[in-house]
Amino acid sequence: MGQAENDRAREYGKLHAAFRMLEALAVGKGELAEPAKRKRTIDKPRQEVSALLRDTSEYILLAREKGGDRAKAAAQLYAEIAELIAPEPMYSKNPTGDEKAAFEQGYEDQIGRYRDRWGGLASL
């Protein structure tokens, strides 16, 4: 297990947290926080990210329609999601235990940042 694979898995965790925060800004607490959904995301990163990107259009519209600080946060987060997608092919292999742990660490770290920035706007 190399550090590069762990770093990549950690970045997927951060990306997943961004999708979760956008969902929370749009509709409140949602299914992305549930362990089964998070497990599928790390087990099939490319497939799951493609599905989450399809949902993103609806989430950005809903959050922007709410106006105010929530709309501003959603616009910032939408741009951040694009930056969090690495300019390289996503892997589709089964992750190792180390990669799963790195994914969870990236997710938790990023959610913590979002709570600090926008915690009052959404339920996480």
C-alpha atoms as a PDB file:
ATOM      1  CA  MET A   1       0.000   0.000   0.000  1.00  0.00           C
ATOM      2  CA  GLY A   2       1.567   3.227  -1.091  1.00  0.00           C
ATOM      3  CA  GLN A   3       1.090   6.709   0.237  1.00  0.00           C
ATOM      4  CA  ALA A   4      -0.159   7.845  -3.183  1.00  0.00           C
ATOM      5  CA  GLU A   5      -3.154   5.480  -2.960  1.00  0.00           C
ATOM      6  CA  ASN A   6      -3.957   6.690   0.548  1.00  0.00           C
ATOM      7  CA  ASP A   7      -3.703  10.315  -0.584  1.00  0.00           C
ATOM      8  CA  ARG A   8      -6.032   9.600  -3.471  1.00  0.00           C
ATOM      9  CA  ALA A   9      -8.550   7.883  -1.180  1.00  0.00           C
ATOM     10  CA  ARG A  10      -8.323  10.829   1.239  1.00  0.00           C
ATOM     11  CA  GLU A  11      -9.132  13.212  -1.619  1.00  0.00           C
ATOM     12  CA  TYR A  12     -12.170  11.086  -2.520  1.00  0.00           C
ATOM     13  CA  GLY A  13     -13.311  11.468   1.075  1.00  0.00           C
ATOM     14  CA  LYS A  14     -12.983  15.251   0.822  1.00  0.00           C
ATOM     15  CA  LEU A  15     -14.941  15.223  -2.440  1.00  0.00           C
ATOM     16  CA  HIS A  16     -17.672  13.126  -0.848  1.00  0.00           C
ATOM     17  CA  ALA A  17     -17.891  15.617   2.025  1.00  0.00           C
ATOM     18  CA  ALA A  18     -18.376  18.433  -0.489  1.00  0.00           C
ATOM     19  CA  PHE A  19     -21.290  16.578  -2.088  1.00  0.00           C
ATOM     20  CA  ARG A  20     -22.738  15.968   1.378  1.00  0.00           C
ATOM     21  CA  MET A  21     -22.490  19.629   2.316  1.00  0.00           C
ATOM     22  CA  LEU A  22     -24.126  20.741  -0.921  1.00  0.00           C
ATOM     23  CA  GLU A  23     -26.964  18.311  -0.273  1.00  0.00           C
ATOM     24  CA  ALA A  24     -27.316  19.668   3.264  1.00  0.00           C
ATOM     25  CA  LEU A  25     -27.422  23.263   2.003  1.00  0.00           C
ATOM     26  CA  ALA A  26     -30.122  22.321  -0.480  1.00  0.00           C
ATOM     27  CA  VAL A  27     -32.420  19.979   1.412  1.00  0.00           C
ATOM     28  CA  GLY A  28     -31.149  19.522   4.948  1.00  0.00           C
ATOM     29  CA  LYS A  29     -29.782  16.285   6.371  1.00  0.00           C
ATOM     30  CA  GLY A  30     -29.757  13.584   3.741  1.00  0.00           C
ATOM     31  CA  GLU A  31     -28.751  10.047   2.962  1.00  0.00           C
ATOM     32  CA  LEU A  32     -25.114  10.771   2.064  1.00  0.00           C
ATOM     33  CA  ALA A  33     -24.215  10.782   5.742  1.00  0.00           C
ATOM     34  CA  GLU A  34     -25.448   7.233   6.210  1.00  0.00           C
ATOM     35  CA  PRO A  35     -22.683   4.610   6.511  1.00  0.00           C
ATOM     36  CA  ALA A  36     -24.040   2.352   3.735  1.00  0.00           C
ATOM     37  CA  LYS A  37     -24.012   5.195   1.222  1.00  0.00           C
ATOM     38  CA  ARG A  38     -20.498   6.215   2.234  1.00  0.00           C
ATOM     39  CA  LYS A  39     -19.311   2.607   1.908  1.00  0.00           C
ATOM     40  CA  ARG A  40     -20.604   2.379  -1.669  1.00  0.00           C
ATOM     41  CA  THR A  41     -18.825   5.622  -2.500  1.00  0.00           C
ATOM     42  CA  ILE A  42     -15.397   4.388  -1.459  1.00  0.00           C
ATOM     43  CA  ASP A  43     -16.015   0.904  -2.894  1.00  0.00           C
ATOM     44  CA  LYS A  44     -16.872   2.299  -6.352  1.00  0.00           C
ATOM     45  CA  PRO A  45     -15.479   5.846  -6.457  1.00  0.00           C
ATOM     46  CA  ARG A  46     -15.912   6.645 -10.144  1.00  0.00           C
ATOM     47  CA  GLN A  47     -19.402   5.159 -10.415  1.00  0.00           C
ATOM     48  CA  GLU A  48     -20.613   6.896  -7.267  1.00  0.00           C
ATOM     49  CA  VAL A  49     -19.067  10.264  -8.103  1.00  0.00           C
ATOM     50  CA  SER A  50     -20.793  10.158 -11.502  1.00  0.00           C
ATOM     51  CA  ALA A  51     -24.122   9.548  -9.761  1.00  0.00           C
ATOM     52  CA  LEU A  52     -23.485  12.294  -7.203  1.00  0.00           C
ATOM     53  CA  LEU A  53     -22.619  14.747  -9.973  1.00  0.00           C
ATOM     54  CA  ARG A  54     -26.028  14.124 -11.543  1.00  0.00           C
ATOM     55  CA  ASP A  55     -27.690  15.018  -8.215  1.00  0.00           C
ATOM     56  CA  THR A  56     -25.537  18.137  -7.887  1.00  0.00           C
ATOM     57  CA  SER A  57     -27.531  20.036 -10.516  1.00  0.00           C
ATOM     58  CA  GLU A  58     -30.710  19.737  -8.487  1.00  0.00           C
ATOM     59  CA  TYR A  59     -28.921  20.566  -5.230  1.00  0.00           C
ATOM     60  CA  ILE A  60     -27.319  23.717  -6.586  1.00  0.00           C
ATOM     61  CA  LEU A  61     -30.660  24.900  -7.969  1.00  0.00           C
ATOM     62  CA  LEU A  62     -32.477  24.259  -4.667  1.00  0.00           C
ATOM     63  CA  ALA A  63     -29.782  25.928  -2.571  1.00  0.00           C
ATOM     64  CA  ARG A  64     -29.523  28.938  -4.872  1.00  0.00           C
ATOM     65  CA  GLU A  65     -33.311  29.391  -4.806  1.00  0.00           C
ATOM     66  CA  LYS A  66     -33.153  29.704  -1.031  1.00  0.00           C
ATOM     67  CA  GLY A  67     -31.119  32.877  -1.473  1.00  0.00           C
ATOM     68  CA  GLY A  68     -28.955  34.724   1.044  1.00  0.00           C
ATOM     69  CA  ASP A  69     -25.959  33.124   2.707  1.00  0.00           C
ATOM     70  CA  ARG A  70     -27.115  29.628   1.743  1.00  0.00           C
ATOM     71  CA  ALA A  71     -27.063  30.559  -1.949  1.00  0.00           C
ATOM     72  CA  LYS A  72     -23.603  32.124  -1.591  1.00  0.00           C
ATOM     73  CA  ALA A  73     -22.253  29.048   0.201  1.00  0.00           C
ATOM     74  CA  ALA A  74     -23.706  26.754  -2.457  1.00  0.00           C
ATOM     75  CA  ALA A  75     -22.031  28.726  -5.242  1.00  0.00           C
ATOM     76  CA  GLN A  76     -18.665  28.519  -3.465  1.00  0.00           C
ATOM     77  CA  LEU A  77     -19.112  24.830  -2.810  1.00  0.00           C
ATOM     78  CA  TYR A  78     -20.133  24.106  -6.394  1.00  0.00           C
ATOM     79  CA  ALA A  79     -16.846  25.608  -7.606  1.00  0.00           C
ATOM     80  CA  GLU A  80     -14.953  23.705  -4.913  1.00  0.00           C
ATOM     81  CA  ILE A  81     -16.408  20.387  -6.075  1.00  0.00           C
ATOM     82  CA  ALA A  82     -14.912  20.965  -9.512  1.00  0.00           C
ATOM     83  CA  GLU A  83     -11.523  21.651  -7.909  1.00  0.00           C
ATOM     84  CA  LEU A  84     -11.736  18.530  -5.725  1.00  0.00           C
ATOM     85  CA  ILE A  85     -12.110  16.265  -8.768  1.00  0.00           C
ATOM     86  CA  ALA A  86      -8.525  15.371  -9.611  1.00  0.00           C
ATOM     87  CA  PRO A  87      -7.468  15.882 -13.259  1.00  0.00           C
ATOM     88  CA  GLU A  88      -6.767  12.170 -13.660  1.00  0.00           C
ATOM     89  CA  PRO A  89      -8.795   8.985 -14.108  1.00  0.00           C
ATOM     90  CA  MET A  90     -10.627   7.827 -11.000  1.00  0.00           C
ATOM     91  CA  TYR A  91      -9.926   4.300  -9.893  1.00  0.00           C
ATOM     92  CA  SER A  92     -12.656   1.709  -9.754  1.00  0.00           C
ATOM     93  CA  LYS A  93     -10.923  -1.078  -7.819  1.00  0.00           C
ATOM     94  CA  ASN A  94     -11.890  -2.356  -4.422  1.00  0.00           C
ATOM     95  CA  PRO A  95     -10.096  -0.279  -1.783  1.00  0.00           C
ATOM     96  CA  THR A  96      -7.831  -1.696   0.873  1.00  0.00           C
ATOM     97  CA  GLY A  97      -8.435  -1.178   4.565  1.00  0.00           C
ATOM     98  CA  ASP A  98      -5.851   1.618   4.562  1.00  0.00           C
ATOM     99  CA  GLU A  99      -7.607   3.346   1.674  1.00  0.00           C
ATOM    100  CA  LYS A 100     -10.965   3.115   3.437  1.00  0.00           C
ATOM    101  CA  ALA A 101      -9.424   4.650   6.542  1.00  0.00           C
ATOM    102  CA  ALA A 102      -7.864   7.429   4.455  1.00  0.00           C
ATOM    103  CA  PHE A 103     -11.238   8.089   2.780  1.00  0.00           C
ATOM    104  CA  GLU A 104     -12.936   8.394   6.175  1.00  0.00           C
ATOM    105  CA  GLN A 105     -10.196  10.704   7.452  1.00  0.00           C
ATOM    106  CA  GLY A 106     -10.511  12.962   4.411  1.00  0.00           C
ATOM    107  CA  TYR A 107     -14.285  12.998   4.778  1.00  0.00           C
ATOM    108  CA  GLU A 108     -14.207  13.870   8.486  1.00  0.00           C
ATOM    109  CA  ASP A 109     -11.532  16.552   8.028  1.00  0.00           C
ATOM    110  CA  GLN A 110     -13.467  18.233   5.238  1.00  0.00           C
ATOM    111  CA  ILE A 111     -16.820  18.036   7.032  1.00  0.00           C
ATOM    112  CA  GLY A 112     -15.129  19.729   9.990  1.00  0.00           C
ATOM    113  CA  ARG A 113     -14.008  22.575   7.727  1.00  0.00           C
ATOM    114  CA  TYR A 114     -17.515  22.924   6.327  1.00  0.00           C
ATOM    115  CA  ARG A 115     -19.030  22.970   9.807  1.00  0.00           C
ATOM    116  CA  ASP A 116     -16.670  25.790  10.702  1.00  0.00           C
ATOM    117  CA  ARG A 117     -17.561  27.749   7.538  1.00  0.00           C
ATOM    118  CA  TRP A 118     -21.254  27.025   7.076  1.00  0.00           C
ATOM    119  CA  GLY A 119     -22.446  24.926  10.013  1.00  0.00           C
ATOM    120  CA  GLY A 120     -25.248  27.309  10.855  1.00  0.00           C
ATOM    121  CA  LEU A 121     -26.739  27.006   7.368  1.00  0.00           C
ATOM    122  CA  ALA A 122     -27.203  23.252   7.161  1.00  0.00           C
ATOM    123  CA  SER A 123     -27.706  20.179   9.282  1.00  0.00           C
ATOM    124  CA  LEU A 124     -24.763  17.783   9.099  1.00  0.00           C
END
